[in-house]
C-alpha atoms as a PDB file:
ATOM      1  CA  UNK A   1      80.991 131.281 121.760  1.00  0.00           C
ATOM      2  CA  UNK A   2      82.894 132.767 118.865  1.00  0.00           C
ATOM      3  CA  UNK A   3      85.864 131.327 116.982  1.00  0.00           C
ATOM      4  CA  UNK A   4      87.558 133.394 114.275  1.00  0.00           C
ATOM      5  CA  UNK A   5      90.242 131.808 112.121  1.00  0.00           C
ATOM      6  CA  UNK A   6      92.825 133.748 110.119  1.00  0.00           C
ATOM      7  CA  UNK A   7      96.149 133.276 108.374  1.00  0.00           C
ATOM      8  CA  UNK A   8      95.165 131.191 105.389  1.00  0.00           C
ATOM      9  CA  UNK A   9      96.310 131.872 101.865  1.00  0.00           C
ATOM     10  CA  UNK A  10      98.105 130.582  98.799  1.00  0.00           C
ATOM     11  CA  UNK A  11     101.482 128.960  99.366  1.00  0.00           C
ATOM     12  CA  UNK A  12     103.845 126.927  97.202  1.00  0.00           C
ATOM     13  CA  UNK A  13     104.559 123.271  97.987  1.00  0.00           C
ATOM     14  CA  UNK A  14     107.187 123.049 100.703  1.00  0.00           C
ATOM     15  CA  UNK A  15     106.156 126.385 102.152  1.00  0.00           C
ATOM     16  CA  UNK A  16     104.793 127.338 105.557  1.00  0.00           C
ATOM     17  CA  UNK A  17     101.786 129.104 107.024  1.00  0.00           C
ATOM     18  CA  UNK A  18     100.609 129.854 110.540  1.00  0.00           C
ATOM     19  CA  UNK A  19      96.906 129.823 111.226  1.00  0.00           C
ATOM     20  CA  UNK A  20      95.349 131.571 114.217  1.00  0.00           C
ATOM     21  CA  UNK A  21      92.009 131.108 115.915  1.00  0.00           C
ATOM     22  CA  UNK A  22      90.809 133.829 118.268  1.00  0.00           C
ATOM     23  CA  UNK A  23      88.275 132.562 120.793  1.00  0.00           C
ATOM     24  CA  UNK A  24      85.731 134.372 122.925  1.00  0.00           C
ATOM     25  CA  UNK A  25      82.563 133.719 124.881  1.00  0.00           C
ATOM     26  CA  UNK A  26      83.866 130.908 127.037  1.00  0.00           C
ATOM     27  CA  UNK A  27      86.700 130.161 129.457  1.00  0.00           C
ATOM     28  CA  UNK A  28      89.422 129.455 126.925  1.00  0.00           C
ATOM     29  CA  UNK A  29      92.002 128.285 129.454  1.00  0.00           C
ATOM     30  CA  UNK A  30      89.646 125.549 130.613  1.00  0.00           C
ATOM     31  CA  UNK A  31      89.006 124.141 127.146  1.00  0.00           C
ATOM     32  CA  UNK A  32      90.794 121.718 124.863  1.00  0.00           C
ATOM     33  CA  UNK A  33      90.961 122.990 121.300  1.00  0.00           C
ATOM     34  CA  UNK A  34      91.067 121.249 117.928  1.00  0.00           C
ATOM     35  CA  UNK A  35      91.833 122.011 114.303  1.00  0.00           C
ATOM     36  CA  UNK A  36      89.948 120.291 111.485  1.00  0.00           C
ATOM     37  CA  UNK A  37      90.067 120.670 107.729  1.00  0.00           C
ATOM     38  CA  UNK A  38      87.792 119.977 104.790  1.00  0.00           C
ATOM     39  CA  UNK A  39      89.096 119.514 101.283  1.00  0.00           C
ATOM     40  CA  UNK A  40      86.844 119.926  98.233  1.00  0.00           C
ATOM     41  CA  UNK A  41      84.573 116.923  97.834  1.00  0.00           C
ATOM     42  CA  UNK A  42      85.754 115.315 101.066  1.00  0.00           C
ATOM     43  CA  UNK A  43      84.468 115.015 104.591  1.00  0.00           C
ATOM     44  CA  UNK A  44      85.787 117.229 107.355  1.00  0.00           C
ATOM     45  CA  UNK A  45      88.726 115.563 109.090  1.00  0.00           C
ATOM     46  CA  UNK A  46      90.442 116.103 112.408  1.00  0.00           C
ATOM     47  CA  UNK A  47      93.968 117.534 112.180  1.00  0.00           C
ATOM     48  CA  UNK A  48      95.266 118.326 115.668  1.00  0.00           C
ATOM     49  CA  UNK A  49      94.253 118.616 119.303  1.00  0.00           C
ATOM     50  CA  UNK A  50      95.718 120.487 122.268  1.00  0.00           C
ATOM     51  CA  UNK A  51      94.726 120.196 125.915  1.00  0.00           C
ATOM     52  CA  UNK A  52      93.631 123.227 127.925  1.00  0.00           C
ATOM     53  CA  UNK A  53      97.078 123.857 129.408  1.00  0.00           C
ATOM     54  CA  UNK A  54      98.928 123.041 126.203  1.00  0.00           C
ATOM     55  CA  UNK A  55     100.650 120.178 127.949  1.00  0.00           C
ATOM     56  CA  UNK A  56      99.507 117.515 125.516  1.00  0.00           C
ATOM     57  CA  UNK A  57      99.034 117.536 121.762  1.00  0.00           C
ATOM     58  CA  UNK A  58      97.943 114.972 119.210  1.00  0.00           C
ATOM     59  CA  UNK A  59      98.060 114.933 115.418  1.00  0.00           C
ATOM     60  CA  UNK A  60      96.581 113.082 112.501  1.00  0.00           C
ATOM     61  CA  UNK A  61      99.124 110.807 110.869  1.00  0.00           C
ATOM     62  CA  UNK A  62      98.888 112.831 107.650  1.00  0.00           C
ATOM     63  CA  UNK A  63     100.317 115.962 109.347  1.00  0.00           C
ATOM     64  CA  UNK A  64     102.495 114.523 112.105  1.00  0.00           C
ATOM     65  CA  UNK A  65     105.991 115.992 112.003  1.00  0.00           C
ATOM     66  CA  UNK A  66     104.911 118.864 109.741  1.00  0.00           C
ATOM     67  CA  UNK A  67     102.219 120.698 111.738  1.00  0.00           C
ATOM     68  CA  UNK A  68     102.420 122.063 115.282  1.00  0.00           C
ATOM     69  CA  UNK A  69      99.441 123.126 117.374  1.00  0.00           C
ATOM     70  CA  UNK A  70      99.995 125.602 120.191  1.00  0.00           C
ATOM     71  CA  UNK A  71      98.040 128.077 122.266  1.00  0.00           C
ATOM     72  CA  UNK A  72      98.360 131.306 124.174  1.00  0.00           C
ATOM     73  CA  UNK A  73      95.856 131.342 127.012  1.00  0.00           C
ATOM     74  CA  UNK A  74      96.608 134.987 127.780  1.00  0.00           C
ATOM     75  CA  UNK A  75      95.483 135.898 124.255  1.00  0.00           C
ATOM     76  CA  UNK A  76      92.656 133.315 123.998  1.00  0.00           C
ATOM     77  CA  UNK A  77      94.220 132.112 120.768  1.00  0.00           C
ATOM     78  CA  UNK A  78      95.140 128.731 119.335  1.00  0.00           C
ATOM     79  CA  UNK A  79      97.613 128.378 116.475  1.00  0.00           C
ATOM     80  CA  UNK A  80      98.459 125.854 113.805  1.00  0.00           C
ATOM     81  CA  UNK A  81     101.972 126.154 112.395  1.00  0.00           C
ATOM     82  CA  UNK A  82     102.108 124.295 109.094  1.00  0.00           C
ATOM     83  CA  UNK A  83     105.394 123.464 107.405  1.00  0.00           C
ATOM     84  CA  UNK A  84     106.486 121.373 104.423  1.00  0.00           C
ATOM     85  CA  UNK A  85     103.059 121.952 102.941  1.00  0.00           C
ATOM     86  CA  UNK A  86     101.805 119.622 100.222  1.00  0.00           C
ATOM     87  CA  UNK A  87      99.072 120.086  97.610  1.00  0.00           C
ATOM     88  CA  UNK A  88      96.975 117.554  99.522  1.00  0.00           C
ATOM     89  CA  UNK A  89      96.933 119.955 102.494  1.00  0.00           C
ATOM     90  CA  UNK A  90      94.693 122.256 100.445  1.00  0.00           C
ATOM     91  CA  UNK A  91      91.476 122.681 102.420  1.00  0.00           C
ATOM     92  CA  UNK A  92      89.405 125.016 104.520  1.00  0.00           C
ATOM     93  CA  UNK A  93      90.793 124.862 108.052  1.00  0.00           C
ATOM     94  CA  UNK A  94      88.495 125.199 111.060  1.00  0.00           C
ATOM     95  CA  UNK A  95      89.102 125.492 114.769  1.00  0.00           C
ATOM     96  CA  UNK A  96      86.729 123.745 117.096  1.00  0.00           C
ATOM     97  CA  UNK A  97      85.797 123.591 120.750  1.00  0.00           C
ATOM     98  CA  UNK A  98      83.507 121.157 122.501  1.00  0.00           C
ATOM     99  CA  UNK A  99      81.441 122.681 125.264  1.00  0.00           C
ATOM    100  CA  UNK A 100      77.847 121.576 125.811  1.00  0.00           C
ATOM    101  CA  UNK A 101      77.946 121.240 122.040  1.00  0.00           C
ATOM    102  CA  UNK A 102      80.553 121.646 119.339  1.00  0.00           C
ATOM    103  CA  UNK A 103      81.383 125.133 118.088  1.00  0.00           C
ATOM    104  CA  UNK A 104      83.110 125.966 114.811  1.00  0.00           C
ATOM    105  CA  UNK A 105      84.682 129.007 113.275  1.00  0.00           C
ATOM    106  CA  UNK A 106      83.954 130.175 109.741  1.00  0.00           C
ATOM    107  CA  UNK A 107      87.148 128.603 108.437  1.00  0.00           C
ATOM    108  CA  UNK A 108      90.183 129.901 106.564  1.00  0.00           C
ATOM    109  CA  UNK A 109      91.212 128.690 103.109  1.00  0.00           C
ATOM    110  CA  UNK A 110      94.652 127.183 102.625  1.00  0.00           C
ATOM    111  CA  UNK A 111      95.731 126.494  99.052  1.00  0.00           C
ATOM    112  CA  UNK A 112      99.015 124.747  98.320  1.00  0.00           C
ATOM    113  CA  UNK A 113      99.909 125.083  94.672  1.00  0.00           C
ATOM    114  CA  UNK A 114     102.760 126.070  92.414  1.00  0.00           C
END
């Protein structure tokens, strides 16, 4: 299993970013996917979840209405569209899949600062 995140960077408050996670090594279309994040000095926290077909999504209260998780099963990729970004969204963002165990990507840094 391999998960490779991309799309992070430095953005001003109120700005937008789209993260991508390219997956391989498992049947992507059969798997729910998740995004997590970890801010400096804090524990990793769940951000969003999408079912294998994309038919259902769930979000942490802190990002609801600002972030959108989606997927393209033909491209084996899950996305996280982030809008109205706040400084408190600064973190390393990870995608995650649960198979016989949990798998994580290497993460992508998102920094929200003026």
